[in-house]
């Protein structure tokens, strides 16, 4: 059974950092791509980043240079390192997966491209 569990959310000050984790079970990342999405109250869910099994990564323009997606050597956990946090980064963060070696190309940011989702973890950036 495919399952994704996010953790690491919490409260951070503007300019601070958090690291989110997405633990995968029921599959390995060898034949899957993993993405991070976020959804703020009253807003649509937006793609934040995606990593393919070959290490190719994608980022939303709003987080480039601040966020980094990576996976561990066991290929069961994907991380999202978030630095220089801004209040507008406040949202529920979700990880999602699609059974493909590669992120869905130009459409990597679209929620409809992914098959399985975690339950989300809240990130709040506030002073």
N, C-alpha and C. Protein backbone atom coordinates (compact mmCIF):
# COMPACT_ATOMS: atom_id res chain seq x y z
N UNK A 1 0.84 -1.19 0.00
CA UNK A 1 0.00 0.00 0.00
C UNK A 1 0.88 1.24 0.00
N UNK A 2 0.67 2.10 -0.97
CA UNK A 2 1.45 3.33 -1.08
C UNK A 2 1.01 4.31 -0.02
N UNK A 3 1.97 4.83 0.72
CA UNK A 3 1.66 5.80 1.75
C UNK A 3 2.76 6.84 1.83
N UNK A 4 2.36 8.09 2.02
CA UNK A 4 3.29 9.20 2.20
C UNK A 4 2.95 9.90 3.50
N UNK A 5 3.96 10.18 4.30
CA UNK A 5 3.73 10.85 5.58
C UNK A 5 4.69 12.03 5.69
N UNK A 6 4.12 13.23 5.79
CA UNK A 6 4.92 14.43 5.94
C UNK A 6 5.17 14.74 7.41
N UNK A 7 6.28 15.39 7.68
CA UNK A 7 6.60 15.86 9.03
C UNK A 7 7.56 17.03 8.92
N UNK A 8 7.76 17.71 10.04
CA UNK A 8 8.73 18.79 10.09
C UNK A 8 8.15 20.18 10.03
N UNK A 9 6.85 20.28 9.87
CA UNK A 9 6.24 21.59 9.84
C UNK A 9 6.25 22.24 11.22
N UNK A 10 5.87 23.50 11.25
CA UNK A 10 5.83 24.22 12.52
C UNK A 10 5.85 25.71 12.31
N UNK A 11 6.24 26.41 13.34
CA UNK A 11 6.30 27.87 13.33
C UNK A 11 7.74 28.32 13.14
N UNK A 12 7.96 29.22 12.20
CA UNK A 12 9.28 29.79 11.97
C UNK A 12 9.15 31.30 11.83
N UNK A 13 10.20 31.99 12.17
CA UNK A 13 10.23 33.43 12.00
C UNK A 13 10.64 33.78 10.58
N UNK A 14 10.23 34.93 10.09
CA UNK A 14 10.71 35.36 8.77
C UNK A 14 12.24 35.35 8.73
N UNK A 15 12.77 34.79 7.64
CA UNK A 15 14.21 34.63 7.52
C UNK A 15 14.73 33.34 8.08
N UNK A 16 13.87 32.59 8.76
CA UNK A 16 14.28 31.34 9.38
C UNK A 16 14.22 30.16 8.42
N UNK A 17 14.42 28.98 8.97
CA UNK A 17 14.48 27.76 8.16
C UNK A 17 13.66 26.65 8.79
N UNK A 18 13.17 25.76 7.95
CA UNK A 18 12.54 24.51 8.36
C UNK A 18 12.92 23.45 7.35
N UNK A 19 12.93 22.19 7.80
CA UNK A 19 13.14 21.09 6.88
C UNK A 19 11.97 20.13 7.00
N UNK A 20 11.28 19.96 5.89
CA UNK A 20 10.16 19.02 5.83
C UNK A 20 10.65 17.66 5.34
N UNK A 21 10.02 16.62 5.85
CA UNK A 21 10.32 15.26 5.41
C UNK A 21 9.06 14.61 4.85
N UNK A 22 9.27 13.77 3.86
CA UNK A 22 8.18 12.99 3.27
C UNK A 22 8.65 11.54 3.25
N UNK A 23 8.10 10.74 4.16
CA UNK A 23 8.49 9.34 4.27
C UNK A 23 7.57 8.48 3.42
N UNK A 24 8.18 7.69 2.55
CA UNK A 24 7.41 6.84 1.64
C UNK A 24 7.40 5.40 2.14
N UNK A 25 6.27 4.76 2.05
CA UNK A 25 6.18 3.34 2.36
C UNK A 25 5.32 2.66 1.31
N UNK A 26 5.59 1.38 1.09
CA UNK A 26 4.86 0.64 0.07
C UNK A 26 5.49 0.76 -1.30
N UNK A 27 6.55 1.55 -1.42
CA UNK A 27 7.27 1.68 -2.68
C UNK A 27 8.60 2.36 -2.39
N UNK A 28 9.50 2.29 -3.36
CA UNK A 28 10.75 3.05 -3.26
C UNK A 28 10.74 4.13 -4.33
N UNK A 29 11.68 5.02 -4.21
CA UNK A 29 11.71 6.16 -5.12
C UNK A 29 12.39 5.84 -6.45
N UNK A 30 12.83 4.59 -6.62
CA UNK A 30 13.55 4.25 -7.85
C UNK A 30 12.71 4.49 -9.09
N UNK A 31 11.42 4.22 -9.00
CA UNK A 31 10.57 4.34 -10.18
C UNK A 31 9.46 5.35 -9.96
N UNK A 32 9.70 6.27 -9.04
CA UNK A 32 8.69 7.28 -8.74
C UNK A 32 9.34 8.66 -8.66
N UNK A 33 8.57 9.64 -8.96
CA UNK A 33 8.96 11.02 -8.74
C UNK A 33 8.12 11.57 -7.59
N UNK A 34 8.73 12.46 -6.82
CA UNK A 34 8.06 13.04 -5.65
C UNK A 34 8.02 14.55 -5.79
N UNK A 35 6.90 15.12 -5.46
CA UNK A 35 6.75 16.58 -5.51
C UNK A 35 6.23 17.10 -4.17
N UNK A 36 6.53 18.35 -3.92
CA UNK A 36 5.96 19.08 -2.79
C UNK A 36 4.99 20.12 -3.34
N UNK A 37 3.84 20.20 -2.70
CA UNK A 37 2.84 21.22 -3.01
C UNK A 37 2.53 21.98 -1.72
N UNK A 38 1.88 23.09 -1.87
CA UNK A 38 1.39 23.82 -0.70
C UNK A 38 0.06 24.47 -1.02
N UNK A 39 -0.71 24.66 0.04
CA UNK A 39 -2.01 25.30 -0.12
C UNK A 39 -2.27 26.21 1.06
N UNK A 40 -2.41 27.48 0.77
CA UNK A 40 -2.74 28.48 1.78
C UNK A 40 -4.26 28.64 1.83
N UNK A 41 -4.80 29.11 2.95
CA UNK A 41 -6.25 29.28 3.07
C UNK A 41 -6.81 30.15 1.95
N UNK A 42 -7.85 29.65 1.29
CA UNK A 42 -8.50 30.40 0.24
C UNK A 42 -7.76 30.41 -1.09
N UNK A 43 -6.67 29.67 -1.18
CA UNK A 43 -5.89 29.65 -2.42
C UNK A 43 -5.83 28.24 -2.99
N UNK A 44 -5.51 28.16 -4.27
CA UNK A 44 -5.39 26.85 -4.91
C UNK A 44 -4.08 26.19 -4.48
N UNK A 45 -4.05 24.86 -4.61
CA UNK A 45 -2.84 24.12 -4.29
C UNK A 45 -1.81 24.39 -5.38
N UNK A 46 -0.60 24.74 -4.98
CA UNK A 46 0.42 25.08 -5.96
C UNK A 46 1.65 24.19 -5.81
N UNK A 47 2.26 23.88 -6.94
CA UNK A 47 3.48 23.09 -6.94
C UNK A 47 4.65 23.91 -6.42
N UNK A 48 5.44 23.31 -5.56
CA UNK A 48 6.61 23.95 -4.98
C UNK A 48 7.90 23.41 -5.61
N UNK A 49 7.99 22.08 -5.69
CA UNK A 49 9.20 21.46 -6.20
C UNK A 49 8.93 20.01 -6.55
N UNK A 50 9.75 19.45 -7.43
CA UNK A 50 9.63 18.04 -7.81
C UNK A 50 11.02 17.47 -8.03
N UNK A 51 11.21 16.20 -7.66
CA UNK A 51 12.47 15.52 -7.93
C UNK A 51 12.21 14.20 -8.63
N UNK A 52 12.95 13.98 -9.70
CA UNK A 52 12.86 12.73 -10.45
C UNK A 52 13.83 11.71 -9.86
N UNK A 53 13.67 10.45 -10.26
CA UNK A 53 14.53 9.39 -9.73
C UNK A 53 15.98 9.56 -10.19
N UNK A 54 16.21 10.33 -11.25
CA UNK A 54 17.59 10.57 -11.71
C UNK A 54 18.19 11.83 -11.10
N UNK A 55 17.43 12.45 -10.18
CA UNK A 55 17.95 13.63 -9.50
C UNK A 55 17.59 14.96 -10.13
N UNK A 56 16.91 14.92 -11.27
CA UNK A 56 16.45 16.17 -11.89
C UNK A 56 15.45 16.85 -10.97
N UNK A 57 15.57 18.16 -10.81
CA UNK A 57 14.68 18.88 -9.91
C UNK A 57 14.01 20.06 -10.61
N UNK A 58 12.85 20.41 -10.11
CA UNK A 58 12.09 21.55 -10.59
C UNK A 58 11.68 22.38 -9.36
N UNK A 59 11.60 23.69 -9.56
CA UNK A 59 11.18 24.59 -8.50
C UNK A 59 10.24 25.65 -9.04
N UNK A 60 9.29 26.04 -8.22
CA UNK A 60 8.48 27.20 -8.53
C UNK A 60 9.35 28.44 -8.44
N UNK A 61 9.05 29.43 -9.26
CA UNK A 61 9.86 30.66 -9.26
C UNK A 61 9.87 31.31 -7.87
N UNK A 62 8.78 31.17 -7.15
CA UNK A 62 8.66 31.85 -5.85
C UNK A 62 9.60 31.26 -4.79
N UNK A 63 10.14 30.05 -5.02
CA UNK A 63 10.99 29.44 -4.01
C UNK A 63 12.41 29.17 -4.51
N UNK A 64 12.67 29.44 -5.77
CA UNK A 64 14.02 29.20 -6.32
C UNK A 64 15.07 29.96 -5.52
N UNK A 65 16.16 29.26 -5.21
CA UNK A 65 17.24 29.87 -4.45
C UNK A 65 17.02 29.84 -2.95
N UNK A 66 15.81 29.48 -2.50
CA UNK A 66 15.52 29.42 -1.07
C UNK A 66 15.21 28.00 -0.61
N UNK A 67 14.55 27.22 -1.43
CA UNK A 67 14.15 25.86 -1.09
C UNK A 67 15.01 24.87 -1.86
N UNK A 68 15.28 23.72 -1.23
CA UNK A 68 16.04 22.66 -1.88
C UNK A 68 15.36 21.32 -1.62
N UNK A 69 15.10 20.58 -2.68
CA UNK A 69 14.52 19.24 -2.56
C UNK A 69 15.63 18.21 -2.68
N UNK A 70 15.55 17.16 -1.87
CA UNK A 70 16.58 16.12 -1.90
C UNK A 70 15.97 14.82 -1.39
N UNK A 71 16.70 13.72 -1.59
CA UNK A 71 16.26 12.43 -1.06
C UNK A 71 17.42 11.76 -0.34
N UNK A 72 17.10 10.83 0.54
CA UNK A 72 18.15 10.15 1.28
C UNK A 72 18.67 8.95 0.49
N UNK A 73 19.75 8.35 0.98
CA UNK A 73 20.39 7.26 0.25
C UNK A 73 19.53 6.01 0.18
N UNK A 74 18.63 5.86 1.10
CA UNK A 74 17.76 4.68 1.07
C UNK A 74 16.61 4.86 0.10
N UNK A 75 16.47 6.06 -0.42
CA UNK A 75 15.41 6.36 -1.39
C UNK A 75 14.03 6.07 -0.83
N UNK A 76 13.85 6.38 0.45
CA UNK A 76 12.53 6.24 1.03
C UNK A 76 12.02 7.54 1.63
N UNK A 77 12.87 8.55 1.68
CA UNK A 77 12.47 9.83 2.26
C UNK A 77 12.94 10.97 1.37
N UNK A 78 12.06 11.92 1.14
CA UNK A 78 12.38 13.13 0.39
C UNK A 78 12.25 14.31 1.34
N UNK A 79 13.18 15.24 1.23
CA UNK A 79 13.22 16.39 2.10
C UNK A 79 12.96 17.67 1.31
N UNK A 80 12.46 18.66 2.01
CA UNK A 80 12.35 20.01 1.45
C UNK A 80 12.98 20.95 2.47
N UNK A 81 14.20 21.39 2.16
CA UNK A 81 14.88 22.36 3.02
C UNK A 81 14.42 23.74 2.62
N UNK A 82 13.84 24.45 3.59
CA UNK A 82 13.28 25.77 3.32
C UNK A 82 14.05 26.81 4.10
N UNK A 83 14.75 27.68 3.40
CA UNK A 83 15.53 28.75 4.01
C UNK A 83 14.93 30.10 3.64
N UNK A 84 15.37 31.12 4.36
CA UNK A 84 14.91 32.50 4.10
C UNK A 84 13.39 32.55 3.98
N UNK A 85 12.73 31.95 4.94
CA UNK A 85 11.27 31.85 4.89
C UNK A 85 10.61 33.21 4.95
N UNK A 86 9.49 33.31 4.26
CA UNK A 86 8.71 34.54 4.20
C UNK A 86 7.30 34.25 4.71
N UNK A 87 6.60 35.27 5.19
CA UNK A 87 5.21 35.04 5.63
C UNK A 87 4.35 34.41 4.54
N UNK A 88 4.61 34.74 3.29
CA UNK A 88 3.81 34.18 2.19
C UNK A 88 4.10 32.70 1.93
N UNK A 89 5.07 32.13 2.64
CA UNK A 89 5.31 30.68 2.55
C UNK A 89 4.37 29.91 3.48
N UNK A 90 3.61 30.62 4.29
CA UNK A 90 2.67 29.97 5.20
C UNK A 90 1.61 29.20 4.43
N UNK A 91 1.50 27.91 4.73
CA UNK A 91 0.56 27.04 4.02
C UNK A 91 0.64 25.65 4.63
N UNK A 92 -0.29 24.80 4.21
CA UNK A 92 -0.15 23.37 4.47
C UNK A 92 0.67 22.79 3.31
N UNK A 93 1.71 22.07 3.65
CA UNK A 93 2.60 21.49 2.65
C UNK A 93 2.31 19.99 2.52
N UNK A 94 2.17 19.56 1.28
CA UNK A 94 1.87 18.17 0.95
C UNK A 94 2.96 17.59 0.06
N UNK A 95 3.25 16.31 0.23
CA UNK A 95 4.06 15.63 -0.76
C UNK A 95 3.16 14.69 -1.56
N UNK A 96 3.56 14.44 -2.78
CA UNK A 96 2.77 13.62 -3.69
C UNK A 96 3.72 12.84 -4.59
N UNK A 97 3.22 11.73 -5.12
CA UNK A 97 4.07 10.90 -5.96
C UNK A 97 3.33 10.45 -7.22
N UNK A 98 4.11 10.21 -8.26
CA UNK A 98 3.60 9.64 -9.50
C UNK A 98 4.56 8.53 -9.90
N UNK A 99 3.99 7.42 -10.41
CA UNK A 99 4.82 6.29 -10.80
C UNK A 99 5.45 6.61 -12.16
N UNK A 100 6.57 7.28 -12.10
CA UNK A 100 7.32 7.64 -13.29
C UNK A 100 8.72 8.00 -12.84
N UNK A 101 9.71 7.64 -13.65
CA UNK A 101 11.09 8.00 -13.31
C UNK A 101 11.29 9.52 -13.34
N UNK A 102 10.38 10.20 -14.03
CA UNK A 102 10.61 11.63 -14.26
C UNK A 102 9.40 12.45 -13.81
N UNK A 103 9.69 13.63 -13.27
CA UNK A 103 8.63 14.56 -12.98
C UNK A 103 7.88 14.86 -14.27
N UNK A 104 6.59 15.19 -14.17
CA UNK A 104 5.76 15.36 -15.37
C UNK A 104 6.12 16.58 -16.20
N UNK A 105 7.36 16.75 -16.56
CA UNK A 105 7.80 17.78 -17.49
C UNK A 105 7.28 19.16 -17.14
N UNK A 106 6.80 19.85 -18.15
CA UNK A 106 6.31 21.21 -17.96
C UNK A 106 5.09 21.26 -17.07
N UNK A 107 4.46 20.10 -16.85
CA UNK A 107 3.26 20.07 -16.01
C UNK A 107 3.52 19.58 -14.62
N UNK A 108 4.77 19.62 -14.18
CA UNK A 108 5.12 19.04 -12.87
C UNK A 108 4.36 19.71 -11.73
N UNK A 109 3.91 20.93 -11.95
CA UNK A 109 3.28 21.72 -10.90
C UNK A 109 1.79 21.43 -10.74
N UNK A 110 1.25 20.60 -11.63
CA UNK A 110 -0.19 20.36 -11.63
C UNK A 110 -0.56 19.21 -10.71
N UNK A 111 -1.42 19.44 -9.71
CA UNK A 111 -1.83 18.37 -8.79
C UNK A 111 -2.40 17.15 -9.50
N UNK A 112 -3.05 17.35 -10.63
CA UNK A 112 -3.69 16.25 -11.35
C UNK A 112 -2.70 15.22 -11.89
N UNK A 113 -1.41 15.58 -11.93
CA UNK A 113 -0.40 14.67 -12.48
C UNK A 113 0.03 13.61 -11.47
N UNK A 114 -0.40 13.71 -10.23
CA UNK A 114 0.10 12.85 -9.16
C UNK A 114 -0.99 11.91 -8.66
N UNK A 115 -0.54 10.73 -8.25
CA UNK A 115 -1.48 9.67 -7.91
C UNK A 115 -1.75 9.54 -6.41
N UNK A 116 -0.75 9.78 -5.60
CA UNK A 116 -0.88 9.58 -4.16
C UNK A 116 -0.40 10.82 -3.41
N UNK A 117 -1.06 11.08 -2.29
CA UNK A 117 -0.79 12.28 -1.51
C UNK A 117 -0.65 11.94 -0.04
N UNK A 118 0.17 12.75 0.64
CA UNK A 118 0.22 12.67 2.08
C UNK A 118 -0.87 13.51 2.70
N UNK A 119 -0.89 13.55 4.03
CA UNK A 119 -1.96 14.25 4.74
C UNK A 119 -1.65 15.72 4.97
N UNK A 120 -0.40 16.12 4.76
CA UNK A 120 -0.02 17.52 4.88
C UNK A 120 0.58 17.87 6.23
N UNK A 121 1.40 18.91 6.24
CA UNK A 121 1.98 19.43 7.47
C UNK A 121 1.95 20.95 7.40
N UNK A 122 1.55 21.58 8.49
CA UNK A 122 1.36 23.03 8.52
C UNK A 122 2.70 23.74 8.71
N UNK A 123 2.93 24.74 7.89
CA UNK A 123 4.07 25.64 8.04
C UNK A 123 3.54 27.05 8.23
N UNK A 124 3.94 27.68 9.31
CA UNK A 124 3.53 29.05 9.59
C UNK A 124 4.77 29.90 9.78
N UNK A 125 4.85 30.97 9.00
CA UNK A 125 5.98 31.89 9.09
C UNK A 125 5.45 33.22 9.61
N UNK A 126 5.86 33.54 10.82
CA UNK A 126 5.33 34.73 11.47
C UNK A 126 6.28 35.16 12.57
N UNK A 127 6.32 36.47 12.80
CA UNK A 127 7.13 36.99 13.90
C UNK A 127 6.27 37.14 15.16
